[in-house]
Amino acid sequence: MLDALAGEPNDATAQQIHARLHRQGAKIGLATVYRTLALLSEHAVIDSLMHRPGEVCYRLCGEEHHHHLVCSRCHRVVEVRDCTLGPWLADLGAEHGFTVSGHTVEVTGTCADCRAPAQGRRHASEPTVAVSAGRQSPTLRAGDGPGGRRLRGRR
């Protein structure tokens, strides 16, 4: 399963990973793939991303603390390692009587390649169906994630 994830340039859903394994001749059920990915995510071996409504995507990332920039059109994922949120979150937590033990940030947007078609160029991975942009909140509150989901702690 980790080899299948390592072969993904960005991230993949359990169904995509199952299909890849099946094409490689693996005799593994979809439920087993879901359970294994959940377990690997729970033990911080892989990262879970929530940028697709109703689906969890998985990614094999580096071990150091990082965040993700995710393109909402082509699903390109960029790991961002320069995190300066620690002091701000510690202050924010203290202000509300919390001791912050970790944080995860997933930022969605549109990458430069996907914005290019608006300028007359076509992106190779441009979807053939329309993608509607999600409503963005004017402010990001500590602990809020995409779609109002709570961010889980991880350092």
Protein backbone atom coordinates (compact mmCIF):
# COMPACT_ATOMS: atom_id res chain seq x y z
CA MET A 1 0.00 0.00 0.00
CA LEU A 2 2.85 2.39 0.84
CA ASP A 3 4.45 1.63 -2.54
CA ALA A 4 1.20 2.55 -4.27
CA LEU A 5 1.07 5.85 -2.37
CA ALA A 6 4.74 6.53 -3.07
CA GLY A 7 3.90 6.25 -6.78
CA GLU A 8 1.29 9.00 -6.55
CA PRO A 9 2.66 12.43 -7.51
CA ASN A 10 0.06 14.23 -5.37
CA ASP A 11 -2.58 12.39 -3.36
CA ALA A 12 -5.11 9.64 -3.96
CA THR A 13 -8.40 8.38 -2.61
CA ALA A 14 -8.81 4.86 -1.26
CA GLN A 15 -10.65 3.90 -4.45
CA GLN A 16 -7.82 5.21 -6.64
CA ILE A 17 -5.25 3.31 -4.57
CA HIS A 18 -7.38 0.16 -4.73
CA ALA A 19 -7.62 0.47 -8.53
CA ARG A 20 -3.84 0.94 -8.82
CA LEU A 21 -3.18 -2.11 -6.64
CA HIS A 22 -5.72 -4.15 -8.61
CA ARG A 23 -4.03 -3.16 -11.92
CA GLN A 24 -0.73 -4.36 -10.43
CA GLY A 25 -2.31 -7.75 -9.72
CA ALA A 26 -2.87 -7.38 -5.98
CA LYS A 27 -5.80 -9.36 -4.62
CA ILE A 28 -6.98 -6.92 -1.97
CA GLY A 29 -10.49 -5.76 -1.12
CA LEU A 30 -11.56 -2.13 -1.05
CA ALA A 31 -12.58 -2.42 2.62
CA THR A 32 -9.06 -3.60 3.47
CA VAL A 33 -7.60 -0.61 1.63
CA TYR A 34 -9.86 1.77 3.59
CA ARG A 35 -8.96 0.13 6.93
CA THR A 36 -5.23 0.10 6.17
CA LEU A 37 -5.18 3.74 5.06
CA ALA A 38 -7.12 4.79 8.17
CA LEU A 39 -4.66 2.93 10.38
CA LEU A 40 -1.62 4.40 8.60
CA SER A 41 -3.13 7.88 8.93
CA GLU A 42 -4.00 7.36 12.59
CA HIS A 43 -0.37 6.46 13.29
CA ALA A 44 0.90 9.47 11.25
CA VAL A 45 2.63 7.28 8.66
CA ILE A 46 0.63 9.00 5.91
CA ASP A 47 -1.28 12.28 5.77
CA SER A 48 -5.02 12.55 5.12
CA LEU A 49 -6.30 15.53 3.18
CA MET A 50 -9.91 16.68 3.14
CA HIS A 51 -10.01 18.87 0.05
CA ARG A 52 -12.49 16.70 -1.87
CA PRO A 53 -16.03 16.93 -0.48
CA GLY A 54 -17.11 13.60 0.96
CA GLU A 55 -13.75 11.92 0.34
CA VAL A 56 -10.48 11.61 2.16
CA CYS A 57 -7.31 11.71 0.10
CA TYR A 58 -4.07 10.20 1.29
CA ARG A 59 -0.47 11.21 0.73
CA LEU A 60 2.90 9.84 1.71
CA CYS A 61 4.78 12.88 2.99
CA GLY A 62 8.04 13.70 4.65
CA GLU A 63 8.33 13.19 8.39
CA GLU A 64 8.98 16.79 9.40
CA HIS A 65 6.20 19.20 10.35
CA HIS A 66 4.56 20.69 7.25
CA HIS A 67 1.33 21.93 5.75
CA HIS A 68 -0.29 21.44 2.35
CA LEU A 69 -1.25 23.70 -0.53
CA VAL A 70 -3.80 21.82 -2.67
CA CYS A 71 -5.08 22.81 -6.11
CA SER A 72 -8.85 22.37 -6.18
CA ARG A 73 -8.82 21.71 -9.93
CA CYS A 74 -5.94 19.31 -10.67
CA HIS A 75 -5.32 18.17 -7.04
CA ARG A 76 -1.63 19.10 -7.14
CA VAL A 77 -0.22 19.04 -3.60
CA VAL A 78 2.71 21.13 -2.39
CA GLU A 79 4.23 20.50 1.02
CA VAL A 80 5.04 23.73 2.87
CA ARG A 81 7.68 23.29 5.53
CA ASP A 82 8.17 26.88 6.71
CA CYS A 83 5.65 27.08 9.54
CA THR A 84 5.55 30.15 11.72
CA LEU A 85 2.18 29.43 13.33
CA GLY A 86 3.53 27.91 16.57
CA PRO A 87 3.97 31.13 18.59
CA TRP A 88 0.68 32.62 17.36
CA LEU A 89 -1.23 29.41 18.17
CA ALA A 90 0.40 29.18 21.62
CA ASP A 91 -0.72 32.74 22.37
CA LEU A 92 -4.18 32.10 20.98
CA GLY A 93 -4.52 28.89 22.97
CA ALA A 94 -3.38 30.58 26.18
CA GLU A 95 -5.88 33.39 25.61
CA HIS A 96 -8.66 30.78 25.64
CA GLY A 97 -7.25 28.50 28.33
CA PHE A 98 -5.83 25.88 25.95
CA THR A 99 -2.42 24.33 25.69
CA VAL A 100 -1.85 23.81 21.97
CA SER A 101 -0.34 20.41 21.24
CA GLY A 102 -0.25 20.60 17.46
CA HIS A 103 -1.90 21.82 14.31
CA THR A 104 -2.51 20.89 10.69
CA VAL A 105 -3.18 23.33 7.87
CA GLU A 106 -4.54 22.47 4.43
CA VAL A 107 -4.87 25.43 2.08
CA THR A 108 -6.93 25.00 -1.09
CA GLY A 109 -6.74 27.21 -4.13
CA THR A 110 -5.85 27.10 -7.81
CA CYS A 111 -2.28 26.48 -8.99
CA ALA A 112 -0.63 28.60 -11.69
CA ASP A 113 -1.01 25.86 -14.32
CA CYS A 114 -4.77 25.65 -13.75
CA ARG A 115 -5.14 29.42 -13.84
CA ALA A 116 -3.33 29.48 -17.21
CA PRO A 117 -6.38 28.31 -19.26
CA ALA A 118 -8.13 31.54 -18.27
CA GLN A 119 -5.27 33.24 -20.08
CA GLY A 120 -5.78 31.13 -23.23
CA ARG A 121 -3.59 28.09 -22.40
CA ARG A 122 -4.87 24.60 -21.61
CA HIS A 123 -3.61 22.56 -18.65
CA ALA A 124 -3.00 18.86 -19.36
CA SER A 125 -4.86 17.76 -16.22
CA GLU A 126 -7.76 20.19 -16.58
CA PRO A 127 -11.00 18.43 -15.66
CA THR A 128 -13.65 17.98 -18.32
CA VAL A 129 -16.45 18.77 -15.88
CA ALA A 130 -17.12 22.12 -14.28
CA VAL A 131 -15.73 22.64 -10.81
CA SER A 132 -17.44 25.20 -8.63
CA ALA A 133 -15.37 27.16 -6.16
CA GLY A 134 -16.28 26.66 -2.52
CA ARG A 135 -17.34 29.57 -0.32
CA GLN A 136 -14.38 31.03 1.48
CA SER A 137 -14.54 32.38 4.99
CA PRO A 138 -13.27 35.93 5.41
CA THR A 139 -11.21 34.88 8.43
CA LEU A 140 -9.52 31.69 9.54
CA ARG A 141 -10.11 30.88 13.18
CA ALA A 142 -7.78 28.62 15.11
CA GLY A 143 -8.92 25.04 14.70
CA ASP A 144 -11.12 25.65 11.67
CA GLY A 145 -10.39 23.68 8.54
CA PRO A 146 -11.94 23.49 5.09
CA GLY A 147 -15.72 23.37 5.19
CA GLY A 148 -15.72 24.22 8.89
CA ARG A 149 -14.05 20.91 9.81
CA ARG A 150 -11.92 20.96 12.92
CA LEU A 151 -8.19 20.66 12.31
CA ARG A 152 -6.63 17.65 13.99
CA GLY A 153 -3.50 18.04 16.05
CA ARG A 154 -0.19 16.98 14.56
CA ARG A 155 3.28 18.38 14.95
